Amino acid sequence: MGRPTTLLEGLCGHALSLGAQAIEVEYKDGRERVFANTGGTGIGIANYKSSSADAKELRGNLYAAAKKPVRTVIGGQVYILKVRVFDSFGEDAFEVTLDPAPKLNPLIAPSFTAKQGQYLAFIYNYTKIHGQAPSESDLERYFRVSPPSIHDMIKTLERNGLIERKPGQARSIRLLVQPEHLPRLE
């Protein structure tokens, strides 16, 4: 299943739109301050009262990503968010690097679940037959599941680097898995 975008992912998307490669989050004067780092210059992009729900969510996102990097899709590109925690005047501060995820090696079969394989096989076969990618409603009719389930699966396949899409463009799914690595469609 897909997951909703976190506050951290939203801030990283904003930073990327400014040309930043990293963000920093620091505590000062009872506030969490977020800066986008663009070539050594920090641009303030957010400022939350430390006791607010947003500040608590952001800190939770940061500590979780410090334990395990986060794969996310921002603007149609898959990124890996890596968090480093460091001391700043006795408080935890955070540096988040925004690294593009490596592309799949076409010679190596990627790992995916059986269910994901069926979605990938359907996308491949539909595109081959119709000359265009399926819409989410085409997937919904074939797999007989709800629209949110289809959307979550598409986001998961994209986040895992198995497909790519163009944001805001219908029927833009492009398979990144070689046909020989796909299961037979059932």
N, C-alpha and C. Protein backbone atom coordinates (compact mmCIF):
# COMPACT_ATOMS: atom_id res chain seq x y z
N MET A 1 0.84 -1.18 0.00
CA MET A 1 0.00 0.00 0.00
C MET A 1 0.88 1.24 0.00
N GLY A 2 0.40 2.30 -0.63
CA GLY A 2 1.12 3.55 -0.59
C GLY A 2 0.93 4.22 0.76
N ARG A 3 1.60 5.31 0.91
CA ARG A 3 1.48 6.03 2.18
C ARG A 3 1.37 7.51 1.86
N PRO A 4 0.77 8.28 2.75
CA PRO A 4 0.65 9.71 2.48
C PRO A 4 2.02 10.38 2.55
N THR A 5 2.14 11.49 1.87
CA THR A 5 3.36 12.27 1.90
C THR A 5 3.53 12.88 3.29
N THR A 6 4.73 12.78 3.83
CA THR A 6 5.00 13.34 5.15
C THR A 6 5.36 14.81 5.04
N LEU A 7 5.35 15.48 6.15
CA LEU A 7 5.75 16.88 6.20
C LEU A 7 7.20 17.01 5.70
N LEU A 8 8.07 16.09 6.12
CA LEU A 8 9.46 16.11 5.67
C LEU A 8 9.55 16.02 4.15
N GLU A 9 8.79 15.12 3.54
CA GLU A 9 8.82 14.98 2.08
C GLU A 9 8.33 16.25 1.39
N GLY A 10 7.30 16.88 1.95
CA GLY A 10 6.81 18.14 1.39
C GLY A 10 7.85 19.24 1.46
N LEU A 11 8.54 19.34 2.59
CA LEU A 11 9.60 20.36 2.73
C LEU A 11 10.75 20.08 1.77
N CYS A 12 11.09 18.81 1.58
CA CYS A 12 12.16 18.45 0.64
C CYS A 12 11.76 18.82 -0.79
N GLY A 13 10.48 18.60 -1.13
CA GLY A 13 9.99 19.00 -2.46
C GLY A 13 10.11 20.49 -2.67
N HIS A 14 9.76 21.26 -1.64
CA HIS A 14 9.88 22.72 -1.72
C HIS A 14 11.35 23.12 -1.90
N ALA A 15 12.23 22.49 -1.15
CA ALA A 15 13.66 22.78 -1.25
C ALA A 15 14.19 22.47 -2.64
N LEU A 16 13.77 21.34 -3.20
CA LEU A 16 14.22 20.98 -4.55
C LEU A 16 13.74 22.00 -5.58
N SER A 17 12.54 22.53 -5.39
CA SER A 17 12.02 23.54 -6.32
C SER A 17 12.86 24.82 -6.30
N LEU A 18 13.60 25.02 -5.21
CA LEU A 18 14.49 26.18 -5.08
C LEU A 18 15.91 25.86 -5.54
N GLY A 19 16.13 24.63 -5.99
CA GLY A 19 17.46 24.22 -6.45
C GLY A 19 18.36 23.71 -5.34
N ALA A 20 17.80 23.39 -4.19
CA ALA A 20 18.59 22.91 -3.05
C ALA A 20 18.90 21.43 -3.20
N GLN A 21 20.01 21.01 -2.58
CA GLN A 21 20.40 19.60 -2.55
C GLN A 21 20.25 19.04 -1.14
N ALA A 22 19.93 19.90 -0.18
CA ALA A 22 19.80 19.47 1.22
C ALA A 22 18.95 20.48 1.98
N ILE A 23 18.43 20.02 3.14
CA ILE A 23 17.78 20.95 4.07
C ILE A 23 18.38 20.73 5.45
N GLU A 24 18.28 21.75 6.28
CA GLU A 24 18.69 21.66 7.68
C GLU A 24 17.53 22.09 8.55
N VAL A 25 17.39 21.42 9.68
CA VAL A 25 16.36 21.76 10.66
C VAL A 25 17.07 22.00 11.98
N GLU A 26 16.85 23.18 12.55
CA GLU A 26 17.49 23.55 13.82
C GLU A 26 16.45 24.12 14.78
N TYR A 27 16.72 23.92 16.07
CA TYR A 27 15.88 24.47 17.12
C TYR A 27 16.51 25.77 17.59
N LYS A 28 15.69 26.83 17.71
CA LYS A 28 16.19 28.09 18.25
C LYS A 28 14.99 28.89 18.76
N ASP A 29 15.11 29.38 19.98
CA ASP A 29 14.09 30.24 20.58
C ASP A 29 12.69 29.61 20.55
N GLY A 30 12.61 28.32 20.89
CA GLY A 30 11.32 27.66 20.96
C GLY A 30 10.68 27.36 19.61
N ARG A 31 11.49 27.40 18.54
CA ARG A 31 10.96 27.17 17.19
C ARG A 31 11.85 26.21 16.43
N GLU A 32 11.24 25.44 15.54
CA GLU A 32 11.98 24.57 14.61
C GLU A 32 12.09 25.35 13.31
N ARG A 33 13.31 25.62 12.89
CA ARG A 33 13.55 26.42 11.68
C ARG A 33 14.11 25.51 10.61
N VAL A 34 13.54 25.61 9.41
CA VAL A 34 13.93 24.75 8.29
C VAL A 34 14.56 25.62 7.20
N PHE A 35 15.76 25.21 6.76
CA PHE A 35 16.50 25.95 5.74
C PHE A 35 16.80 25.04 4.56
N ALA A 36 16.63 25.57 3.36
CA ALA A 36 17.04 24.86 2.14
C ALA A 36 18.46 25.30 1.84
N ASN A 37 19.37 24.34 1.65
CA ASN A 37 20.78 24.66 1.35
C ASN A 37 21.01 24.62 -0.15
N THR A 38 21.31 25.79 -0.70
CA THR A 38 21.59 25.90 -2.13
C THR A 38 23.01 26.42 -2.30
N GLY A 39 23.95 25.51 -2.48
CA GLY A 39 25.33 25.90 -2.71
C GLY A 39 25.93 26.71 -1.58
N GLY A 40 25.70 26.32 -0.33
CA GLY A 40 26.29 27.01 0.80
C GLY A 40 25.43 28.11 1.39
N THR A 41 24.33 28.45 0.73
CA THR A 41 23.43 29.48 1.24
C THR A 41 22.17 28.82 1.79
N GLY A 42 21.78 29.19 3.00
CA GLY A 42 20.56 28.66 3.61
C GLY A 42 19.40 29.61 3.40
N ILE A 43 18.31 29.10 2.83
CA ILE A 43 17.11 29.89 2.59
C ILE A 43 16.03 29.35 3.52
N GLY A 44 15.47 30.20 4.38
CA GLY A 44 14.41 29.77 5.29
C GLY A 44 13.17 29.38 4.52
N ILE A 45 12.69 28.15 4.75
CA ILE A 45 11.48 27.70 4.04
C ILE A 45 10.34 27.35 4.98
N ALA A 46 10.63 27.19 6.28
CA ALA A 46 9.56 26.90 7.24
C ALA A 46 10.03 27.25 8.64
N ASN A 47 9.05 27.48 9.53
CA ASN A 47 9.34 27.90 10.88
C ASN A 47 8.14 27.48 11.73
N TYR A 48 8.33 26.52 12.62
CA TYR A 48 7.23 26.00 13.43
C TYR A 48 7.51 26.20 14.91
N LYS A 49 6.48 26.55 15.66
CA LYS A 49 6.60 26.59 17.10
C LYS A 49 6.87 25.16 17.56
N SER A 50 7.88 24.96 18.42
CA SER A 50 8.32 23.61 18.81
C SER A 50 7.23 22.76 19.43
N SER A 51 6.25 23.40 20.04
CA SER A 51 5.17 22.63 20.68
C SER A 51 4.03 22.31 19.70
N SER A 52 4.12 22.78 18.46
CA SER A 52 3.04 22.57 17.49
C SER A 52 3.04 21.13 16.97
N ALA A 53 1.90 20.73 16.43
CA ALA A 53 1.76 19.39 15.85
C ALA A 53 2.70 19.23 14.66
N ASP A 54 2.87 20.28 13.85
CA ASP A 54 3.77 20.20 12.70
C ASP A 54 5.21 19.97 13.13
N ALA A 55 5.65 20.68 14.15
CA ALA A 55 7.03 20.51 14.63
C ALA A 55 7.24 19.10 15.17
N LYS A 56 6.26 18.59 15.89
CA LYS A 56 6.36 17.23 16.43
C LYS A 56 6.37 16.20 15.31
N GLU A 57 5.51 16.39 14.31
CA GLU A 57 5.50 15.47 13.16
C GLU A 57 6.84 15.52 12.43
N LEU A 58 7.35 16.73 12.19
CA LEU A 58 8.63 16.87 11.49
C LEU A 58 9.75 16.17 12.24
N ARG A 59 9.84 16.39 13.54
CA ARG A 59 10.90 15.72 14.33
C ARG A 59 10.74 14.20 14.27
N GLY A 60 9.51 13.71 14.33
CA GLY A 60 9.27 12.27 14.20
C GLY A 60 9.73 11.75 12.85
N ASN A 61 9.41 12.50 11.77
CA ASN A 61 9.86 12.12 10.43
C ASN A 61 11.38 12.08 10.35
N LEU A 62 12.02 13.09 10.96
CA LEU A 62 13.49 13.19 10.91
C LEU A 62 14.17 12.04 11.66
N TYR A 63 13.69 11.75 12.87
CA TYR A 63 14.30 10.65 13.64
C TYR A 63 14.10 9.31 12.93
N ALA A 64 12.92 9.10 12.34
CA ALA A 64 12.66 7.85 11.61
C ALA A 64 13.57 7.74 10.39
N ALA A 65 13.74 8.84 9.65
CA ALA A 65 14.60 8.82 8.46
C ALA A 65 16.08 8.71 8.83
N ALA A 66 16.44 9.14 10.04
CA ALA A 66 17.83 8.99 10.49
C ALA A 66 18.14 7.50 10.71
N LYS A 67 17.13 6.73 11.12
CA LYS A 67 17.32 5.29 11.32
C LYS A 67 17.30 4.53 10.00
N LYS A 68 16.42 4.94 9.08
CA LYS A 68 16.29 4.26 7.79
C LYS A 68 15.98 5.31 6.73
N PRO A 69 16.86 5.49 5.72
CA PRO A 69 16.60 6.47 4.67
C PRO A 69 15.23 6.24 4.02
N VAL A 70 14.64 7.32 3.53
CA VAL A 70 13.30 7.30 2.96
C VAL A 70 13.38 7.41 1.45
N ARG A 71 12.70 6.49 0.75
CA ARG A 71 12.54 6.60 -0.72
C ARG A 71 11.24 7.35 -0.95
N THR A 72 11.29 8.37 -1.77
CA THR A 72 10.09 9.15 -2.05
C THR A 72 10.14 9.65 -3.49
N VAL A 73 8.97 10.00 -4.01
CA VAL A 73 8.88 10.56 -5.35
C VAL A 73 8.54 12.03 -5.21
N ILE A 74 9.39 12.86 -5.81
CA ILE A 74 9.16 14.31 -5.79
C ILE A 74 9.28 14.80 -7.22
N GLY A 75 8.20 15.37 -7.74
CA GLY A 75 8.22 15.89 -9.10
C GLY A 75 8.51 14.82 -10.15
N GLY A 76 8.04 13.59 -9.91
CA GLY A 76 8.24 12.52 -10.87
C GLY A 76 9.59 11.84 -10.79
N GLN A 77 10.45 12.27 -9.89
CA GLN A 77 11.79 11.70 -9.71
C GLN A 77 11.85 11.00 -8.36
N VAL A 78 12.52 9.84 -8.31
CA VAL A 78 12.66 9.12 -7.06
C VAL A 78 13.92 9.62 -6.35
N TYR A 79 13.75 9.98 -5.08
CA TYR A 79 14.86 10.47 -4.25
C TYR A 79 15.00 9.60 -3.01
N ILE A 80 16.20 9.58 -2.47
CA ILE A 80 16.45 8.95 -1.18
C ILE A 80 16.82 10.07 -0.22
N LEU A 81 16.06 10.18 0.86
CA LEU A 81 16.31 11.21 1.87
C LEU A 81 17.12 10.57 2.99
N LYS A 82 18.32 11.10 3.21
CA LYS A 82 19.19 10.60 4.27
C LYS A 82 19.35 11.69 5.31
N VAL A 83 19.16 11.33 6.58
CA VAL A 83 19.20 12.30 7.67
C VAL A 83 20.40 12.05 8.57
N ARG A 84 21.12 13.11 8.84
CA ARG A 84 22.23 13.08 9.81
C ARG A 84 21.81 13.95 10.98
N VAL A 85 21.91 13.40 12.19
CA VAL A 85 21.58 14.14 13.41
C VAL A 85 22.88 14.64 14.00
N PHE A 86 22.93 15.92 14.37
CA PHE A 86 24.13 16.47 15.00
C PHE A 86 23.73 17.42 16.12
N ASP A 87 24.69 17.74 16.97
CA ASP A 87 24.45 18.61 18.12
C ASP A 87 24.62 20.07 17.72
N SER A 88 23.66 20.89 18.10
CA SER A 88 23.74 22.33 17.86
C SER A 88 23.33 23.02 19.16
N PHE A 89 24.33 23.48 19.90
CA PHE A 89 24.10 24.18 21.17
C PHE A 89 23.25 23.35 22.13
N GLY A 90 23.56 22.06 22.23
CA GLY A 90 22.88 21.18 23.17
C GLY A 90 21.55 20.63 22.69
N GLU A 91 21.16 20.93 21.49
CA GLU A 91 19.90 20.42 20.91
C GLU A 91 20.23 19.60 19.67
N ASP A 92 19.36 18.64 19.35
CA ASP A 92 19.52 17.89 18.11
C ASP A 92 19.17 18.79 16.93
N ALA A 93 20.03 18.79 15.92
CA ALA A 93 19.76 19.47 14.65
C ALA A 93 19.88 18.39 13.58
N PHE A 94 19.36 18.67 12.40
CA PHE A 94 19.28 17.66 11.37
C PHE A 94 19.73 18.21 10.02
N GLU A 95 20.46 17.37 9.28
CA GLU A 95 20.79 17.69 7.91
C GLU A 95 20.19 16.58 7.06
N VAL A 96 19.40 16.95 6.06
CA VAL A 96 18.76 15.99 5.18
C VAL A 96 19.33 16.17 3.78
N THR A 97 19.97 15.12 3.26
CA THR A 97 20.46 15.17 1.87
C THR A 97 19.41 14.57 0.96
N LEU A 98 19.27 15.17 -0.22
CA LEU A 98 18.27 14.76 -1.20
C LEU A 98 19.01 14.15 -2.39
N ASP A 99 19.16 12.83 -2.37
CA ASP A 99 19.92 12.15 -3.41
C ASP A 99 18.99 11.47 -4.40
N PRO A 100 19.19 11.69 -5.72
CA PRO A 100 18.40 10.93 -6.70
C PRO A 100 18.69 9.45 -6.52
N ALA A 101 17.64 8.64 -6.57
CA ALA A 101 17.81 7.19 -6.42
C ALA A 101 18.48 6.63 -7.67
N PRO A 102 19.33 5.62 -7.50
CA PRO A 102 19.96 5.02 -8.69
C PRO A 102 18.91 4.34 -9.56
N LYS A 103 19.15 4.36 -10.86
CA LYS A 103 18.25 3.72 -11.81
C LYS A 103 18.44 2.21 -11.75
N LEU A 104 17.41 1.46 -12.17
CA LEU A 104 17.49 0.01 -12.20
C LEU A 104 18.52 -0.43 -13.24
N ASN A 105 19.25 -1.48 -12.94
CA ASN A 105 20.15 -2.10 -13.91
C ASN A 105 19.29 -3.02 -14.77
N PRO A 106 19.19 -2.76 -16.09
CA PRO A 106 18.29 -3.56 -16.92
C PRO A 106 18.70 -5.03 -17.03
N LEU A 107 19.94 -5.37 -16.68
CA LEU A 107 20.40 -6.75 -16.77
C LEU A 107 20.02 -7.58 -15.55
N ILE A 108 19.65 -6.92 -14.46
CA ILE A 108 19.32 -7.61 -13.22
C ILE A 108 17.82 -7.51 -12.95
N ALA A 109 17.20 -8.64 -12.68
CA ALA A 109 15.77 -8.65 -12.37
C ALA A 109 15.52 -7.94 -11.04
N PRO A 110 14.68 -6.91 -11.04
CA PRO A 110 14.39 -6.22 -9.77
C PRO A 110 13.48 -7.07 -8.90
N SER A 111 13.49 -6.79 -7.61
CA SER A 111 12.59 -7.53 -6.73
C SER A 111 11.28 -6.76 -6.58
N PHE A 112 10.20 -7.51 -6.61
CA PHE A 112 8.86 -6.97 -6.38
C PHE A 112 7.97 -8.12 -5.95
N THR A 113 6.86 -7.77 -5.32
CA THR A 113 5.94 -8.80 -4.84
C THR A 113 5.18 -9.40 -6.02
N ALA A 114 4.52 -10.52 -5.78
CA ALA A 114 3.72 -11.16 -6.83
C ALA A 114 2.62 -10.21 -7.31
N LYS A 115 2.00 -9.52 -6.38
CA LYS A 115 0.93 -8.58 -6.73
C LYS A 115 1.48 -7.43 -7.58
N GLN A 116 2.63 -6.89 -7.17
CA GLN A 116 3.26 -5.83 -7.95
C GLN A 116 3.61 -6.34 -9.34
N GLY A 117 4.08 -7.58 -9.42
CA GLY A 117 4.41 -8.18 -10.71
C GLY A 117 3.21 -8.24 -11.63
N GLN A 118 2.04 -8.55 -11.09
CA GLN A 118 0.83 -8.61 -11.90
C GLN A 118 0.46 -7.22 -12.43
N TYR A 119 0.62 -6.20 -11.62
CA TYR A 119 0.36 -4.83 -12.08
C TYR A 119 1.35 -4.45 -13.18
N LEU A 120 2.60 -4.78 -12.98
CA LEU A 120 3.62 -4.47 -13.99
C LEU A 120 3.35 -5.21 -15.30
N ALA A 121 2.96 -6.49 -15.20
CA ALA A 121 2.65 -7.28 -16.39
C ALA A 121 1.44 -6.70 -17.12
N PHE A 122 0.43 -6.26 -16.35
CA PHE A 122 -0.75 -5.65 -16.98
C PHE A 122 -0.35 -4.37 -17.71
N ILE A 123 0.44 -3.52 -17.06
CA ILE A 123 0.87 -2.27 -17.69
C ILE A 123 1.62 -2.57 -18.98
N TYR A 124 2.51 -3.55 -18.94
CA TYR A 124 3.28 -3.92 -20.14
C TYR A 124 2.34 -4.39 -21.26
N ASN A 125 1.46 -5.34 -20.95
CA ASN A 125 0.58 -5.90 -21.98
C ASN A 125 -0.42 -4.87 -22.51
N TYR A 126 -0.99 -4.06 -21.63
CA TYR A 126 -1.94 -3.04 -22.05
C TYR A 126 -1.26 -2.05 -23.01
N THR A 127 -0.06 -1.62 -22.63
CA THR A 127 0.67 -0.65 -23.46
C THR A 127 1.01 -1.25 -24.81
N LYS A 128 1.39 -2.51 -24.84
CA LYS A 128 1.75 -3.19 -26.09
C LYS A 128 0.52 -3.30 -27.01
N ILE A 129 -0.63 -3.62 -26.44
CA ILE A 129 -1.85 -3.79 -27.23
C ILE A 129 -2.43 -2.45 -27.70
N HIS A 130 -2.51 -1.47 -26.78
CA HIS A 130 -3.22 -0.22 -27.07
C HIS A 130 -2.31 0.93 -27.52
N GLY A 131 -1.02 0.75 -27.42
CA GLY A 131 -0.10 1.82 -27.85
C GLY A 131 -0.04 2.99 -26.90
N GLN A 132 -0.64 2.84 -25.74
CA GLN A 132 -0.58 3.87 -24.69
C GLN A 132 -0.73 3.20 -23.35
N ALA A 133 -0.27 3.87 -22.32
CA ALA A 133 -0.33 3.30 -20.97
C ALA A 133 -1.77 3.23 -20.49
N PRO A 134 -2.06 2.32 -19.57
CA PRO A 134 -3.42 2.25 -19.02
C PRO A 134 -3.69 3.43 -18.09
N SER A 135 -4.96 3.78 -17.98
CA SER A 135 -5.36 4.77 -16.99
C SER A 135 -5.59 4.03 -15.68
N GLU A 136 -5.70 4.77 -14.60
CA GLU A 136 -5.98 4.13 -13.31
C GLU A 136 -7.33 3.41 -13.35
N SER A 137 -8.30 3.94 -14.12
CA SER A 137 -9.60 3.27 -14.20
C SER A 137 -9.49 1.96 -14.98
N ASP A 138 -8.58 1.86 -15.96
CA ASP A 138 -8.34 0.59 -16.65
C ASP A 138 -7.81 -0.45 -15.67
N LEU A 139 -6.88 -0.05 -14.82
CA LEU A 139 -6.33 -0.94 -13.80
C LEU A 139 -7.42 -1.35 -12.81
N GLU A 140 -8.24 -0.39 -12.45
CA GLU A 140 -9.32 -0.64 -11.49
C GLU A 140 -10.29 -1.70 -12.03
N ARG A 141 -10.66 -1.59 -13.30
CA ARG A 141 -11.57 -2.57 -13.91
C ARG A 141 -10.93 -3.95 -13.98
N TYR A 142 -9.67 -4.03 -14.36
CA TYR A 142 -9.02 -5.33 -14.51
C TYR A 142 -8.83 -6.03 -13.17
N PHE A 143 -8.32 -5.30 -12.19
CA PHE A 143 -8.00 -5.92 -10.90
C PHE A 143 -9.18 -5.92 -9.92
N ARG A 144 -10.26 -5.22 -10.27
CA ARG A 144 -11.48 -5.17 -9.46
C ARG A 144 -11.19 -4.73 -8.02
N VAL A 145 -10.49 -3.60 -7.94
CA VAL A 145 -10.21 -3.01 -6.64
C VAL A 145 -10.60 -1.53 -6.68
N SER A 146 -10.57 -0.89 -5.53
CA SER A 146 -11.01 0.50 -5.41
C SER A 146 -9.99 1.47 -6.01
N PRO A 147 -10.45 2.65 -6.39
CA PRO A 147 -9.53 3.67 -6.90
C PRO A 147 -8.38 4.00 -5.93
N PRO A 148 -8.64 4.12 -4.61
CA PRO A 148 -7.51 4.39 -3.72
C PRO A 148 -6.46 3.26 -3.73
N SER A 149 -6.92 2.01 -3.86
CA SER A 149 -5.98 0.88 -3.91
C SER A 149 -5.09 0.97 -5.15
N ILE A 150 -5.69 1.30 -6.28
CA ILE A 150 -4.93 1.44 -7.53
C ILE A 150 -3.92 2.57 -7.38
N HIS A 151 -4.37 3.70 -6.88
CA HIS A 151 -3.48 4.86 -6.74
C HIS A 151 -2.32 4.54 -5.80
N ASP A 152 -2.61 3.86 -4.70
CA ASP A 152 -1.55 3.48 -3.76
C ASP A 152 -0.53 2.56 -4.43
N MET A 153 -1.01 1.60 -5.22
CA MET A 153 -0.09 0.68 -5.90
C MET A 153 0.77 1.43 -6.92
N ILE A 154 0.18 2.35 -7.66
CA ILE A 154 0.95 3.14 -8.65
C ILE A 154 2.03 3.94 -7.93
N LYS A 155 1.69 4.56 -6.81
CA LYS A 155 2.68 5.33 -6.05
C LYS A 155 3.78 4.42 -5.52
N THR A 156 3.43 3.22 -5.08
CA THR A 156 4.43 2.28 -4.58
C THR A 156 5.36 1.83 -5.70
N LEU A 157 4.80 1.48 -6.85
CA LEU A 157 5.63 1.06 -7.99
C LEU A 157 6.58 2.19 -8.41
N GLU A 158 6.07 3.42 -8.38
CA GLU A 158 6.90 4.57 -8.74
C GLU A 158 8.00 4.80 -7.71
N ARG A 159 7.64 4.77 -6.44
CA ARG A 159 8.61 4.98 -5.37
C ARG A 159 9.71 3.92 -5.38
N ASN A 160 9.36 2.68 -5.79
CA ASN A 160 10.33 1.60 -5.86
C ASN A 160 11.14 1.60 -7.16
N GLY A 161 10.89 2.59 -8.01
CA GLY A 161 11.68 2.72 -9.24
C GLY A 161 11.32 1.72 -10.31
N LEU A 162 10.11 1.13 -10.25
CA LEU A 162 9.69 0.14 -11.23
C LEU A 162 8.94 0.76 -12.40
N ILE A 163 8.35 1.92 -12.16
CA ILE A 163 7.69 2.71 -13.22
C ILE A 163 8.06 4.17 -13.01
N GLU A 164 7.78 4.98 -14.01
CA GLU A 164 7.87 6.43 -13.82
C GLU A 164 6.66 7.06 -14.48
N ARG A 165 6.29 8.24 -13.99
CA ARG A 165 5.16 8.98 -14.53
C ARG A 165 5.56 10.43 -14.70
N LYS A 166 4.84 11.14 -15.55
CA LYS A 166 5.01 12.58 -15.67
C LYS A 166 3.91 13.22 -14.86
N PRO A 167 4.27 14.02 -13.84
CA PRO A 167 3.24 14.64 -13.00
C PRO A 167 2.25 15.46 -13.82
N GLY A 168 0.96 15.27 -13.53
CA GLY A 168 -0.09 16.04 -14.18
C GLY A 168 -0.44 15.59 -15.58
N GLN A 169 0.18 14.52 -16.08
CA GLN A 169 -0.11 14.04 -17.43
C GLN A 169 -0.78 12.67 -17.36
N ALA A 170 -1.96 12.56 -17.95
CA ALA A 170 -2.70 11.30 -17.94
C ALA A 170 -1.98 10.25 -18.79
N ARG A 171 -2.15 9.00 -18.41
CA ARG A 171 -1.60 7.85 -19.15
C ARG A 171 -0.10 7.99 -19.44
N SER A 172 0.61 8.46 -18.45
CA SER A 172 2.05 8.70 -18.63
C SER A 172 2.92 7.64 -17.96
N ILE A 173 2.32 6.53 -17.52
CA ILE A 173 3.11 5.48 -16.86
C ILE A 173 4.07 4.87 -17.87
N ARG A 174 5.33 4.79 -17.47
CA ARG A 174 6.35 4.15 -18.30
C ARG A 174 7.02 3.07 -17.48
N LEU A 175 7.02 1.86 -18.00
CA LEU A 175 7.60 0.71 -17.32
C LEU A 175 9.12 0.80 -17.35
N LEU A 176 9.76 0.59 -16.21
CA LEU A 176 11.22 0.61 -16.13
C LEU A 176 11.82 -0.78 -15.95
N VAL A 177 10.96 -1.79 -15.98
CA VAL A 177 11.38 -3.19 -15.84
C VAL A 177 11.40 -3.82 -17.22
N GLN A 178 12.46 -4.55 -17.53
CA GLN A 178 12.56 -5.23 -18.82
C GLN A 178 11.48 -6.31 -18.92
N PRO A 179 10.86 -6.50 -20.10
CA PRO A 179 9.79 -7.49 -20.25
C PRO A 179 10.20 -8.90 -19.82
N GLU A 180 11.45 -9.28 -20.03
CA GLU A 180 11.88 -10.63 -19.66
C GLU A 180 11.89 -10.85 -18.14
N HIS A 181 11.83 -9.78 -17.35
CA HIS A 181 11.80 -9.88 -15.89
C HIS A 181 10.38 -9.89 -15.33
N LEU A 182 9.39 -9.77 -16.19
CA LEU A 182 8.00 -9.71 -15.74
C LEU A 182 7.39 -11.10 -15.65
N PRO A 183 6.46 -11.29 -14.71
CA PRO A 183 5.75 -12.57 -14.65
C PRO A 183 4.69 -12.62 -15.74
N ARG A 184 4.15 -13.80 -15.94
CA ARG A 184 3.05 -13.96 -16.88
C ARG A 184 1.80 -13.36 -16.24
N LEU A 185 1.02 -12.62 -17.02
CA LEU A 185 -0.21 -12.00 -16.52
C LEU A 185 -1.27 -13.07 -16.32
N GLU A 186 -1.85 -13.11 -15.13
CA GLU A 186 -2.88 -14.13 -14.81
C GLU A 186 -4.26 -13.55 -14.90
